[in-house]
Amino acid sequence: SDALPKHYQALMNDPVSPISSFYPS
């Protein structure tokens, strides 16, 4: 299975989303 749901992946890939700070790529 995927490590993270697709919506989390989308948030992580969004530079303006605060979640990218919590889950740096």
C-alpha atoms as a PDB file:
ATOM      1  CA  SER A   1       0.000   0.000   0.000  1.00  0.00           C
ATOM      2  CA  ASP A   2       1.035   3.601  -0.393  1.00  0.00           C
ATOM      3  CA  ALA A   3       2.958   5.215   2.454  1.00  0.00           C
ATOM      4  CA  LEU A   4       0.556   8.157   2.462  1.00  0.00           C
ATOM      5  CA  PRO A   5      -2.886   8.834   0.982  1.00  0.00           C
ATOM      6  CA  LYS A   6      -2.928  10.767  -2.287  1.00  0.00           C
ATOM      7  CA  HIS A   7      -4.402  13.829  -0.613  1.00  0.00           C
ATOM      8  CA  TYR A   8      -1.411  13.964   1.745  1.00  0.00           C
ATOM      9  CA  GLN A   9       0.936  13.633  -1.219  1.00  0.00           C
ATOM     10  CA  ALA A  10      -0.836  16.525  -2.928  1.00  0.00           C
ATOM     11  CA  LEU A  11      -0.535  18.677   0.196  1.00  0.00           C
ATOM     12  CA  MET A  12       3.153  17.847   0.589  1.00  0.00           C
ATOM     13  CA  ASN A  13       3.737  18.769  -3.035  1.00  0.00           C
ATOM     14  CA  ASP A  14       1.959  22.116  -2.542  1.00  0.00           C
ATOM     15  CA  PRO A  15       4.607  24.738  -1.605  1.00  0.00           C
ATOM     16  CA  VAL A  16       1.975  27.018  -0.064  1.00  0.00           C
ATOM     17  CA  SER A  17       0.489  24.309   2.151  1.00  0.00           C
ATOM     18  CA  PRO A  18       1.574  24.308   5.817  1.00  0.00           C
ATOM     19  CA  ILE A  19       1.700  20.509   5.817  1.00  0.00           C
ATOM     20  CA  SER A  20       4.787  20.669   3.593  1.00  0.00           C
ATOM     21  CA  SER A  21       6.613  22.022   6.659  1.00  0.00           C
ATOM     22  CA  PHE A  22       5.606  18.969   8.695  1.00  0.00           C
ATOM     23  CA  TYR A  23       6.366  16.481   5.926  1.00  0.00           C
ATOM     24  CA  PRO A  24       9.370  17.819   4.005  1.00  0.00           C
ATOM     25  CA  SER A  25      10.094  15.966   0.791  1.00  0.00           C
END
